[in-house]
Amino acid sequence: MQTQPRTAVVAGASGLVGGLLLDTLLEEPLYREVLSLGRRPLPKQHPKLVQRTVDFARLGDEALPPADDAFCCLGTTLKKAGSQESFRAVDHDAVLAFAKAAKQAGARRFLVVTALGADPGSRVFYNRVKGEVEQHLQGMGFESLVILQPSLLLGDRAESRPGEHAAIVASRVLAPLLRPFSGRPIEARTVARAMLALAREAPRGVKVAPSGELQQLGR
């Protein structure tokens, strides 16, 4: 395992998991610098934080600075995206563009948040796109590719999602009954902590961590 201070690059730090991950990385002694890529600057300052505003559709036009670890938390919903095409542009195209840029920047480890149930052969569009992006990432040649597959994420979001909010409230009430099941909802903070734990381990090859394992790693 690499013991020298590392540099990290994060995509999607404006989102629920990404924001918590960014805070976690900034306080982690293993990282001496953290580059955050986003469509707009974050209202955050830290001695280790560097921000760059990017258009993920044109990410290949400019090289990223050297990085050891890349963390991808890009994602949206079909409702927010407005169409399947717009959803795919974020959850598939932008993820792969970031992965390609990170690889060119020398990143040895690439960690990405997809979803429980991701399957390129799924009849469910959401799961199929998640599965397809996992499949493409496995062919990119990272020394270590870690795929995190959380279940329904619990946490405070900036935007309002009434239907999801109702499901979260119900899941928190029923949490004790759901403990034996790996598909129970998971706190976004737990996913962020698990992501850091997996980056520390630096497993070689492809590592898929389903929600139940993330619950254990992020405790």
Protein backbone atom coordinates (compact mmCIF):
# COMPACT_ATOMS: atom_id res chain seq x y z
CA MET A 1 0.00 0.00 0.00
CA GLN A 2 1.19 3.50 -0.85
CA THR A 3 2.20 5.34 2.35
CA GLN A 4 3.38 8.64 0.87
CA PRO A 5 0.86 11.52 0.96
CA ARG A 6 -1.50 11.26 -1.97
CA THR A 7 -3.36 13.69 -4.18
CA ALA A 8 -7.05 13.16 -4.90
CA VAL A 9 -9.44 14.42 -7.55
CA VAL A 10 -13.19 14.40 -6.88
CA ALA A 11 -16.09 14.80 -9.31
CA GLY A 12 -19.56 15.45 -7.95
CA ALA A 13 -18.73 17.15 -4.66
CA SER A 14 -21.88 19.29 -4.91
CA GLY A 15 -24.02 16.19 -4.37
CA LEU A 16 -25.02 14.36 -1.21
CA VAL A 17 -22.29 11.69 -1.07
CA GLY A 18 -19.73 13.82 -2.88
CA GLY A 19 -20.00 16.70 -0.43
CA LEU A 20 -19.55 14.43 2.56
CA LEU A 21 -16.68 12.65 0.84
CA LEU A 22 -14.94 15.94 0.12
CA ASP A 23 -15.14 16.93 3.79
CA THR A 24 -13.78 13.52 4.75
CA LEU A 25 -10.85 13.72 2.34
CA LEU A 26 -9.91 17.22 3.45
CA GLU A 27 -9.57 16.01 7.04
CA GLU A 28 -7.74 12.80 6.08
CA PRO A 29 -3.93 13.03 6.64
CA LEU A 30 -3.33 10.58 3.78
CA TYR A 31 -4.16 13.34 1.27
CA ARG A 32 -2.04 16.45 0.91
CA GLU A 33 -4.18 17.99 -1.85
CA VAL A 34 -7.74 17.48 -3.06
CA LEU A 35 -8.91 18.81 -6.42
CA SER A 36 -12.67 19.23 -6.78
CA LEU A 37 -14.16 19.37 -10.28
CA GLY A 38 -17.61 20.84 -10.76
CA ARG A 39 -19.83 22.91 -12.99
CA ARG A 40 -19.70 25.74 -10.45
CA PRO A 41 -17.46 26.63 -7.48
CA LEU A 42 -18.37 25.29 -4.05
CA PRO A 43 -18.78 27.71 -1.12
CA LYS A 44 -15.93 26.02 0.69
CA GLN A 45 -12.35 26.90 1.54
CA HIS A 46 -9.62 24.69 2.95
CA PRO A 47 -5.80 24.75 2.77
CA LYS A 48 -5.77 21.43 0.89
CA LEU A 49 -8.68 22.22 -1.45
CA VAL A 50 -8.23 23.24 -5.08
CA GLN A 51 -11.31 23.86 -7.19
CA ARG A 52 -11.70 23.82 -10.95
CA THR A 53 -14.86 24.68 -12.86
CA VAL A 54 -15.34 22.28 -15.77
CA ASP A 55 -17.78 21.23 -18.45
CA PHE A 56 -17.77 17.44 -18.16
CA ALA A 57 -18.85 17.16 -21.79
CA ARG A 58 -15.56 18.82 -22.75
CA LEU A 59 -13.34 17.52 -20.00
CA GLY A 60 -10.87 16.07 -22.47
CA ASP A 61 -10.00 19.52 -23.81
CA GLU A 62 -7.69 20.30 -20.91
CA ALA A 63 -5.42 18.02 -18.89
CA LEU A 64 -5.90 17.51 -15.18
CA PRO A 65 -2.93 17.86 -12.82
CA PRO A 66 -1.33 14.59 -11.64
CA ALA A 67 -3.45 12.61 -9.18
CA ASP A 68 -3.12 9.35 -7.29
CA ASP A 69 -6.78 8.63 -6.50
CA ALA A 70 -9.95 9.63 -8.35
CA PHE A 71 -13.37 9.63 -6.70
CA CYS A 72 -16.52 9.83 -8.81
CA CYS A 73 -19.81 10.80 -7.15
CA LEU A 74 -21.52 12.14 -10.27
CA GLY A 75 -25.20 11.33 -10.54
CA THR A 76 -28.70 12.69 -10.98
CA THR A 77 -32.27 11.39 -11.17
CA LEU A 78 -34.53 10.90 -14.17
CA LYS A 79 -36.92 13.50 -12.76
CA LYS A 80 -34.21 16.11 -12.27
CA ALA A 81 -32.55 15.33 -15.60
CA GLY A 82 -35.85 15.65 -17.46
CA SER A 83 -35.19 12.91 -19.99
CA GLN A 84 -33.38 9.61 -20.41
CA GLU A 85 -30.86 11.29 -22.70
CA SER A 86 -30.02 13.97 -20.13
CA PHE A 87 -29.78 11.35 -17.40
CA ARG A 88 -27.35 9.30 -19.48
CA ALA A 89 -25.26 12.40 -20.18
CA VAL A 90 -24.56 12.71 -16.45
CA ASP A 91 -24.59 9.16 -15.08
CA HIS A 92 -22.82 7.58 -18.04
CA ASP A 93 -21.08 10.06 -20.32
CA ALA A 94 -19.77 12.44 -17.65
CA VAL A 95 -18.57 9.55 -15.48
CA LEU A 96 -16.60 8.03 -18.35
CA ALA A 97 -15.19 11.43 -19.37
CA PHE A 98 -13.97 11.95 -15.82
CA ALA A 99 -12.50 8.45 -15.69
CA LYS A 100 -10.60 9.01 -18.94
CA ALA A 101 -9.24 12.35 -17.71
CA ALA A 102 -8.24 10.83 -14.36
CA LYS A 103 -6.45 7.95 -16.11
CA GLN A 104 -4.52 10.42 -18.26
CA ALA A 105 -3.60 12.32 -15.09
CA GLY A 106 -1.97 9.18 -13.71
CA ALA A 107 -4.63 8.08 -11.23
CA ARG A 108 -3.97 4.51 -10.13
CA ARG A 109 -7.18 4.10 -8.14
CA PHE A 110 -10.64 5.00 -9.39
CA LEU A 111 -13.59 4.78 -7.01
CA VAL A 112 -17.14 5.31 -8.28
CA VAL A 113 -20.60 5.35 -6.72
CA THR A 114 -23.21 3.55 -8.82
CA ALA A 115 -26.24 1.77 -7.31
CA LEU A 116 -27.41 -1.52 -5.90
CA GLY A 117 -29.01 -3.46 -8.75
CA ALA A 118 -26.74 -2.04 -11.46
CA ASP A 119 -26.91 -4.41 -14.42
CA PRO A 120 -26.17 -3.70 -18.11
CA GLY A 121 -28.85 -6.22 -19.05
CA SER A 122 -31.57 -4.78 -16.82
CA ARG A 123 -34.94 -3.79 -18.22
CA VAL A 124 -34.96 -0.88 -15.77
CA PHE A 125 -33.34 2.08 -17.52
CA TYR A 126 -31.70 3.46 -14.34
CA ASN A 127 -30.12 0.12 -13.41
CA ARG A 128 -29.09 -0.54 -17.00
CA VAL A 129 -27.21 2.77 -17.32
CA LYS A 130 -25.46 2.16 -14.01
CA GLY A 131 -24.49 -1.33 -15.16
CA GLU A 132 -23.24 -0.09 -18.51
CA VAL A 133 -20.97 2.50 -16.93
CA GLU A 134 -19.54 -0.16 -14.59
CA GLN A 135 -18.87 -2.36 -17.60
CA HIS A 136 -17.08 0.40 -19.50
CA LEU A 137 -14.98 1.39 -16.49
CA GLN A 138 -13.72 -2.18 -16.12
CA GLY A 139 -12.12 -1.92 -19.55
CA MET A 140 -10.17 1.27 -18.83
CA GLY A 141 -7.18 -0.36 -17.17
CA PHE A 142 -7.04 1.24 -13.75
CA GLU A 143 -4.70 -0.50 -11.34
CA SER A 144 -7.61 -0.49 -8.90
CA LEU A 145 -11.26 0.04 -9.76
CA VAL A 146 -13.65 0.15 -6.81
CA ILE A 147 -17.39 0.17 -7.52
CA LEU A 148 -19.65 1.17 -4.63
CA GLN A 149 -23.27 0.05 -4.94
CA PRO A 150 -25.33 1.73 -2.21
CA SER A 151 -29.02 1.21 -1.69
CA LEU A 152 -31.40 4.15 -1.08
CA LEU A 153 -29.30 7.01 0.28
CA LEU A 154 -30.27 8.72 3.52
CA GLY A 155 -29.20 12.30 4.17
CA ASP A 156 -30.10 15.95 3.81
CA ARG A 157 -30.18 17.04 0.19
CA ALA A 158 -30.05 20.59 -1.11
CA GLU A 159 -32.97 19.98 -3.48
CA SER A 160 -36.43 18.75 -2.47
CA ARG A 161 -37.48 15.24 -3.50
CA PRO A 162 -40.93 14.67 -1.86
CA GLY A 163 -41.33 11.04 -2.90
CA GLU A 164 -37.82 10.13 -1.84
CA HIS A 165 -38.25 12.05 1.40
CA ALA A 166 -41.29 9.94 2.29
CA ALA A 167 -39.34 6.76 1.61
CA ILE A 168 -36.46 7.98 3.78
CA VAL A 169 -38.75 8.80 6.69
CA ALA A 170 -40.37 5.37 6.45
CA SER A 171 -37.02 3.60 6.17
CA ARG A 172 -35.68 5.31 9.29
CA VAL A 173 -38.74 4.23 11.26
CA LEU A 174 -38.40 0.66 9.99
CA ALA A 175 -34.59 0.53 10.22
CA PRO A 176 -34.47 -1.95 13.15
CA LEU A 177 -36.57 -4.41 11.16
CA LEU A 178 -34.40 -4.01 8.07
CA ARG A 179 -31.02 -4.60 9.73
CA PRO A 180 -30.59 -8.20 8.50
CA PHE A 181 -31.00 -7.18 4.86
CA SER A 182 -28.10 -5.90 2.75
CA GLY A 183 -30.51 -3.78 0.71
CA ARG A 184 -31.66 -1.59 3.57
CA PRO A 185 -31.23 2.20 3.13
CA ILE A 186 -27.79 3.59 3.91
CA GLU A 187 -26.62 6.94 5.27
CA ALA A 188 -24.70 8.98 2.72
CA ARG A 189 -22.09 9.68 5.40
CA THR A 190 -21.57 5.92 5.73
CA VAL A 191 -20.96 5.63 1.99
CA ALA A 192 -18.42 8.49 2.11
CA ARG A 193 -16.53 6.86 4.97
CA ALA A 194 -16.59 3.50 3.19
CA MET A 195 -15.21 5.14 0.06
CA LEU A 196 -12.22 6.46 1.99
CA ALA A 197 -11.69 3.08 3.68
CA LEU A 198 -11.65 1.35 0.29
CA ALA A 199 -9.20 3.91 -1.10
CA ARG A 200 -6.86 3.27 1.82
CA GLU A 201 -6.89 -0.47 1.12
CA ALA A 202 -5.99 0.15 -2.53
CA PRO A 203 -7.18 -3.30 -3.72
CA ARG A 204 -5.79 -4.34 -7.09
CA GLY A 205 -8.14 -5.24 -9.90
CA VAL A 206 -11.90 -4.72 -9.73
CA LYS A 207 -13.63 -4.54 -6.37
CA VAL A 208 -17.44 -4.36 -6.17
CA ALA A 209 -18.74 -3.29 -2.76
CA PRO A 210 -22.52 -3.74 -2.39
CA SER A 211 -24.55 -1.79 0.13
CA GLY A 212 -24.29 -4.37 2.90
CA GLU A 213 -20.49 -4.25 2.78
CA LEU A 214 -20.56 -0.46 2.72
CA GLN A 215 -22.60 -0.51 5.91
CA GLN A 216 -19.77 -2.41 7.59
CA LEU A 217 -16.88 -0.42 6.10
CA GLY A 218 -18.40 2.96 6.85
CA ARG A 219 -19.35 2.39 10.48
